[in-house]
Amino acid sequence: MRAYYVYILTSVNRKVMYVGVTNNLENLVTQHRNGEGSAFTRRYRVHRLVHAEEYQYIEDAIAREKEIKGWRRSEKDALVEATNPSWADLFETLVVIDPSLRSG
């Protein structure tokens, strides 16, 4: 079964956030870190994964992505802080904890 992820990336100083959706979180974050992501993420060096949610259906993931994108910055901050109060980079942790995030 395929999984879809809504994710939030941020810059090291947390001034810039990027919300997106993908079916391969590991590959996507790796691309951003290698400077192969969108022009926006390259320009602002947005590559720290601070939040991720898993969905079974792409329609649900897209709807959630749109919902979060419509929020004020303070609401996005609160979402991250609810599950990741230290704003740690979750990429290594998620890949180690949940091997289903690895591309197959």
N, C-alpha and C. Protein backbone atom coordinates (compact mmCIF):
# COMPACT_ATOMS: atom_id res chain seq x y z
N MET A 1 0.84 -1.17 0.00
CA MET A 1 0.00 0.00 0.00
C MET A 1 0.89 1.25 0.00
N ARG A 2 0.56 2.19 -0.82
CA ARG A 2 1.30 3.43 -0.94
C ARG A 2 0.87 4.40 0.16
N ALA A 3 1.83 5.17 0.67
CA ALA A 3 1.54 6.18 1.67
C ALA A 3 1.90 7.55 1.10
N TYR A 4 1.21 8.55 1.58
CA TYR A 4 1.44 9.93 1.17
C TYR A 4 1.72 10.75 2.41
N TYR A 5 2.57 11.74 2.27
CA TYR A 5 3.01 12.52 3.42
C TYR A 5 2.82 14.01 3.19
N VAL A 6 2.26 14.67 4.17
CA VAL A 6 2.24 16.12 4.22
C VAL A 6 3.40 16.47 5.14
N TYR A 7 4.23 17.39 4.71
CA TYR A 7 5.44 17.69 5.47
C TYR A 7 5.65 19.19 5.57
N ILE A 8 6.42 19.56 6.58
CA ILE A 8 6.85 20.94 6.74
C ILE A 8 8.36 20.95 6.83
N LEU A 9 8.97 21.73 5.97
CA LEU A 9 10.40 21.98 6.01
C LEU A 9 10.61 23.41 6.48
N THR A 10 11.74 23.66 7.11
CA THR A 10 12.07 25.01 7.53
C THR A 10 13.56 25.24 7.36
N SER A 11 13.94 26.49 7.43
CA SER A 11 15.35 26.86 7.37
C SER A 11 15.93 26.69 8.77
N VAL A 12 17.25 26.74 8.88
CA VAL A 12 17.90 26.56 10.17
C VAL A 12 17.44 27.61 11.17
N ASN A 13 17.26 28.84 10.73
CA ASN A 13 16.84 29.90 11.64
C ASN A 13 15.32 29.97 11.83
N ARG A 14 14.58 29.08 11.19
CA ARG A 14 13.12 28.95 11.30
C ARG A 14 12.35 30.16 10.78
N LYS A 15 12.95 30.96 9.96
CA LYS A 15 12.25 32.13 9.44
C LYS A 15 11.36 31.78 8.25
N VAL A 16 11.68 30.72 7.56
CA VAL A 16 10.94 30.34 6.36
C VAL A 16 10.42 28.92 6.52
N MET A 17 9.16 28.71 6.10
CA MET A 17 8.55 27.38 6.13
C MET A 17 8.09 27.01 4.73
N TYR A 18 8.09 25.71 4.48
CA TYR A 18 7.60 25.18 3.21
C TYR A 18 6.71 23.99 3.53
N VAL A 19 5.49 23.99 3.04
CA VAL A 19 4.54 22.89 3.26
C VAL A 19 4.33 22.20 1.93
N GLY A 20 4.42 20.87 1.93
CA GLY A 20 4.24 20.14 0.69
C GLY A 20 3.65 18.76 0.94
N VAL A 21 3.50 18.02 -0.16
CA VAL A 21 2.98 16.66 -0.11
C VAL A 21 3.84 15.80 -1.03
N THR A 22 4.07 14.55 -0.62
CA THR A 22 4.89 13.64 -1.42
C THR A 22 4.51 12.20 -1.11
N ASN A 23 4.91 11.30 -1.99
CA ASN A 23 4.73 9.88 -1.71
C ASN A 23 6.06 9.22 -1.38
N ASN A 24 7.13 10.01 -1.33
CA ASN A 24 8.46 9.50 -1.00
C ASN A 24 9.20 10.55 -0.19
N LEU A 25 8.97 10.54 1.10
CA LEU A 25 9.52 11.57 1.99
C LEU A 25 11.04 11.54 2.02
N GLU A 26 11.60 10.36 2.09
CA GLU A 26 13.06 10.24 2.14
C GLU A 26 13.70 10.86 0.90
N ASN A 27 13.21 10.51 -0.26
CA ASN A 27 13.77 11.03 -1.50
C ASN A 27 13.58 12.54 -1.60
N LEU A 28 12.42 13.01 -1.23
CA LEU A 28 12.13 14.43 -1.32
C LEU A 28 13.06 15.25 -0.44
N VAL A 29 13.23 14.86 0.81
CA VAL A 29 14.10 15.62 1.71
C VAL A 29 15.55 15.54 1.22
N THR A 30 15.96 14.40 0.73
CA THR A 30 17.31 14.26 0.19
C THR A 30 17.51 15.21 -0.99
N GLN A 31 16.54 15.31 -1.86
CA GLN A 31 16.64 16.23 -3.00
C GLN A 31 16.78 17.68 -2.51
N HIS A 32 15.97 18.07 -1.55
CA HIS A 32 16.06 19.43 -1.02
C HIS A 32 17.43 19.68 -0.42
N ARG A 33 17.95 18.72 0.30
CA ARG A 33 19.27 18.89 0.93
C ARG A 33 20.39 18.97 -0.10
N ASN A 34 20.19 18.34 -1.23
CA ASN A 34 21.20 18.37 -2.29
C ASN A 34 21.01 19.54 -3.25
N GLY A 35 20.09 20.43 -2.93
CA GLY A 35 19.85 21.59 -3.78
C GLY A 35 19.08 21.28 -5.04
N GLU A 36 18.37 20.16 -5.05
CA GLU A 36 17.61 19.73 -6.22
C GLU A 36 16.11 19.96 -6.05
N GLY A 37 15.72 20.62 -4.97
CA GLY A 37 14.31 20.88 -4.72
C GLY A 37 13.84 22.09 -5.51
N SER A 38 12.76 22.66 -5.09
CA SER A 38 12.20 23.82 -5.78
C SER A 38 13.13 25.02 -5.66
N ALA A 39 12.94 25.98 -6.54
CA ALA A 39 13.74 27.21 -6.50
C ALA A 39 13.57 27.92 -5.15
N PHE A 40 12.36 27.89 -4.60
CA PHE A 40 12.08 28.52 -3.31
C PHE A 40 12.94 27.88 -2.22
N THR A 41 12.94 26.55 -2.15
CA THR A 41 13.68 25.89 -1.08
C THR A 41 15.19 26.05 -1.26
N ARG A 42 15.64 26.12 -2.50
CA ARG A 42 17.08 26.37 -2.74
C ARG A 42 17.44 27.78 -2.29
N ARG A 43 16.64 28.74 -2.69
CA ARG A 43 16.93 30.15 -2.39
C ARG A 43 16.99 30.41 -0.89
N TYR A 44 16.05 29.85 -0.14
CA TYR A 44 15.97 30.11 1.29
C TYR A 44 16.57 29.01 2.15
N ARG A 45 17.21 28.03 1.51
CA ARG A 45 17.86 26.92 2.22
C ARG A 45 16.92 26.24 3.21
N VAL A 46 15.78 25.85 2.68
CA VAL A 46 14.74 25.20 3.48
C VAL A 46 14.88 23.70 3.29
N HIS A 47 15.46 23.02 4.28
CA HIS A 47 15.67 21.58 4.14
C HIS A 47 15.61 20.82 5.45
N ARG A 48 15.18 21.45 6.52
CA ARG A 48 15.03 20.76 7.80
C ARG A 48 13.60 20.26 7.93
N LEU A 49 13.44 18.96 8.04
CA LEU A 49 12.11 18.36 8.19
C LEU A 49 11.70 18.48 9.66
N VAL A 50 10.63 19.25 9.91
CA VAL A 50 10.19 19.46 11.29
C VAL A 50 8.81 18.88 11.58
N HIS A 51 8.11 18.47 10.52
CA HIS A 51 6.77 17.89 10.73
C HIS A 51 6.42 17.01 9.54
N ALA A 52 5.77 15.88 9.82
CA ALA A 52 5.28 14.99 8.75
C ALA A 52 4.04 14.25 9.24
N GLU A 53 3.08 14.12 8.34
CA GLU A 53 1.85 13.38 8.61
C GLU A 53 1.66 12.38 7.47
N GLU A 54 1.25 11.18 7.80
CA GLU A 54 1.06 10.12 6.80
C GLU A 54 -0.42 9.94 6.48
N TYR A 55 -0.71 9.75 5.20
CA TYR A 55 -2.08 9.52 4.72
C TYR A 55 -2.10 8.35 3.75
N GLN A 56 -3.20 7.64 3.76
CA GLN A 56 -3.37 6.51 2.86
C GLN A 56 -3.79 6.97 1.46
N TYR A 57 -4.56 8.04 1.39
CA TYR A 57 -5.09 8.49 0.10
C TYR A 57 -4.54 9.87 -0.25
N ILE A 58 -4.16 10.02 -1.50
CA ILE A 58 -3.57 11.28 -1.96
C ILE A 58 -4.55 12.43 -1.80
N GLU A 59 -5.84 12.18 -2.00
CA GLU A 59 -6.83 13.24 -1.86
C GLU A 59 -6.83 13.83 -0.44
N ASP A 60 -6.68 12.95 0.55
CA ASP A 60 -6.64 13.41 1.94
C ASP A 60 -5.38 14.22 2.21
N ALA A 61 -4.27 13.75 1.67
CA ALA A 61 -3.00 14.46 1.86
C ALA A 61 -3.04 15.84 1.21
N ILE A 62 -3.57 15.92 0.01
CA ILE A 62 -3.65 17.21 -0.69
C ILE A 62 -4.58 18.16 0.06
N ALA A 63 -5.69 17.65 0.54
CA ALA A 63 -6.62 18.49 1.30
C ALA A 63 -5.94 19.04 2.56
N ARG A 64 -5.20 18.20 3.25
CA ARG A 64 -4.50 18.64 4.46
C ARG A 64 -3.41 19.65 4.13
N GLU A 65 -2.68 19.42 3.05
CA GLU A 65 -1.65 20.37 2.63
C GLU A 65 -2.27 21.74 2.37
N LYS A 66 -3.38 21.76 1.66
CA LYS A 66 -4.06 23.04 1.38
C LYS A 66 -4.54 23.70 2.67
N GLU A 67 -5.05 22.88 3.58
CA GLU A 67 -5.52 23.42 4.86
C GLU A 67 -4.37 24.11 5.60
N ILE A 68 -3.25 23.42 5.73
CA ILE A 68 -2.10 23.97 6.46
C ILE A 68 -1.56 25.21 5.75
N LYS A 69 -1.49 25.17 4.42
CA LYS A 69 -0.99 26.33 3.68
C LYS A 69 -1.86 27.56 3.90
N GLY A 70 -3.13 27.36 4.20
CA GLY A 70 -4.04 28.47 4.45
C GLY A 70 -3.95 29.05 5.85
N TRP A 71 -3.21 28.38 6.72
CA TRP A 71 -3.09 28.84 8.09
C TRP A 71 -2.14 30.03 8.22
N ARG A 72 -2.31 30.75 9.30
CA ARG A 72 -1.34 31.79 9.68
C ARG A 72 -0.07 31.12 10.17
N ARG A 73 1.00 31.87 10.14
CA ARG A 73 2.28 31.32 10.58
C ARG A 73 2.21 30.81 12.02
N SER A 74 1.52 31.52 12.88
CA SER A 74 1.42 31.11 14.28
C SER A 74 0.75 29.74 14.42
N GLU A 75 -0.20 29.44 13.55
CA GLU A 75 -0.87 28.13 13.60
C GLU A 75 0.07 27.03 13.12
N LYS A 76 0.86 27.32 12.10
CA LYS A 76 1.85 26.34 11.62
C LYS A 76 2.89 26.08 12.70
N ASP A 77 3.35 27.15 13.36
CA ASP A 77 4.31 26.99 14.45
C ASP A 77 3.74 26.10 15.54
N ALA A 78 2.48 26.32 15.89
CA ALA A 78 1.83 25.53 16.94
C ALA A 78 1.73 24.06 16.54
N LEU A 79 1.47 23.79 15.27
CA LEU A 79 1.41 22.41 14.79
C LEU A 79 2.76 21.72 14.97
N VAL A 80 3.81 22.38 14.57
CA VAL A 80 5.15 21.81 14.72
C VAL A 80 5.46 21.60 16.20
N GLU A 81 5.21 22.60 17.01
CA GLU A 81 5.56 22.53 18.43
C GLU A 81 4.76 21.47 19.18
N ALA A 82 3.58 21.12 18.69
CA ALA A 82 2.77 20.09 19.35
C ALA A 82 3.43 18.72 19.27
N THR A 83 4.13 18.45 18.18
CA THR A 83 4.75 17.14 18.01
C THR A 83 6.27 17.19 18.05
N ASN A 84 6.83 18.38 17.90
CA ASN A 84 8.28 18.54 17.84
C ASN A 84 8.67 19.85 18.53
N PRO A 85 8.53 19.92 19.85
CA PRO A 85 8.73 21.19 20.56
C PRO A 85 10.12 21.80 20.40
N SER A 86 11.12 20.99 20.13
CA SER A 86 12.48 21.52 19.98
C SER A 86 12.80 21.87 18.53
N TRP A 87 11.87 21.65 17.63
CA TRP A 87 12.06 21.91 16.19
C TRP A 87 13.26 21.12 15.66
N ALA A 88 13.47 19.94 16.19
CA ALA A 88 14.59 19.09 15.73
C ALA A 88 14.35 18.66 14.29
N ASP A 89 15.44 18.40 13.59
CA ASP A 89 15.33 17.86 12.24
C ASP A 89 14.94 16.39 12.37
N LEU A 90 13.75 16.05 11.90
CA LEU A 90 13.19 14.71 12.08
C LEU A 90 13.61 13.71 11.00
N PHE A 91 14.31 14.16 10.01
CA PHE A 91 14.59 13.30 8.87
C PHE A 91 15.27 12.00 9.27
N GLU A 92 16.38 12.07 9.95
CA GLU A 92 17.10 10.85 10.33
C GLU A 92 16.26 9.98 11.27
N THR A 93 15.58 10.60 12.19
CA THR A 93 14.74 9.87 13.14
C THR A 93 13.62 9.12 12.44
N LEU A 94 12.93 9.78 11.52
CA LEU A 94 11.82 9.14 10.82
C LEU A 94 12.28 7.98 9.96
N VAL A 95 13.38 8.13 9.30
CA VAL A 95 13.87 7.06 8.43
C VAL A 95 14.31 5.87 9.26
N VAL A 96 14.92 6.11 10.41
CA VAL A 96 15.36 5.02 11.28
C VAL A 96 14.17 4.35 11.96
N ILE A 97 13.25 5.15 12.48
CA ILE A 97 12.11 4.61 13.22
C ILE A 97 11.12 3.92 12.31
N ASP A 98 10.86 4.50 11.17
CA ASP A 98 9.82 3.97 10.28
C ASP A 98 10.43 3.59 8.93
N PRO A 99 10.89 2.33 8.80
CA PRO A 99 11.51 1.92 7.54
C PRO A 99 10.55 1.96 6.35
N SER A 100 9.25 2.10 6.59
CA SER A 100 8.32 2.19 5.46
C SER A 100 8.52 3.50 4.71
N LEU A 101 9.21 4.45 5.31
CA LEU A 101 9.50 5.71 4.64
C LEU A 101 10.60 5.55 3.60
N ARG A 102 11.34 4.46 3.67
CA ARG A 102 12.39 4.22 2.68
C ARG A 102 11.77 3.85 1.35
N SER A 103 12.38 4.34 0.30
CA SER A 103 11.86 4.00 -1.04
C SER A 103 12.10 2.52 -1.29
N GLY A 104 11.19 1.89 -1.97
CA GLY A 104 11.29 0.45 -2.13
C GLY A 104 11.45 0.08 -3.49
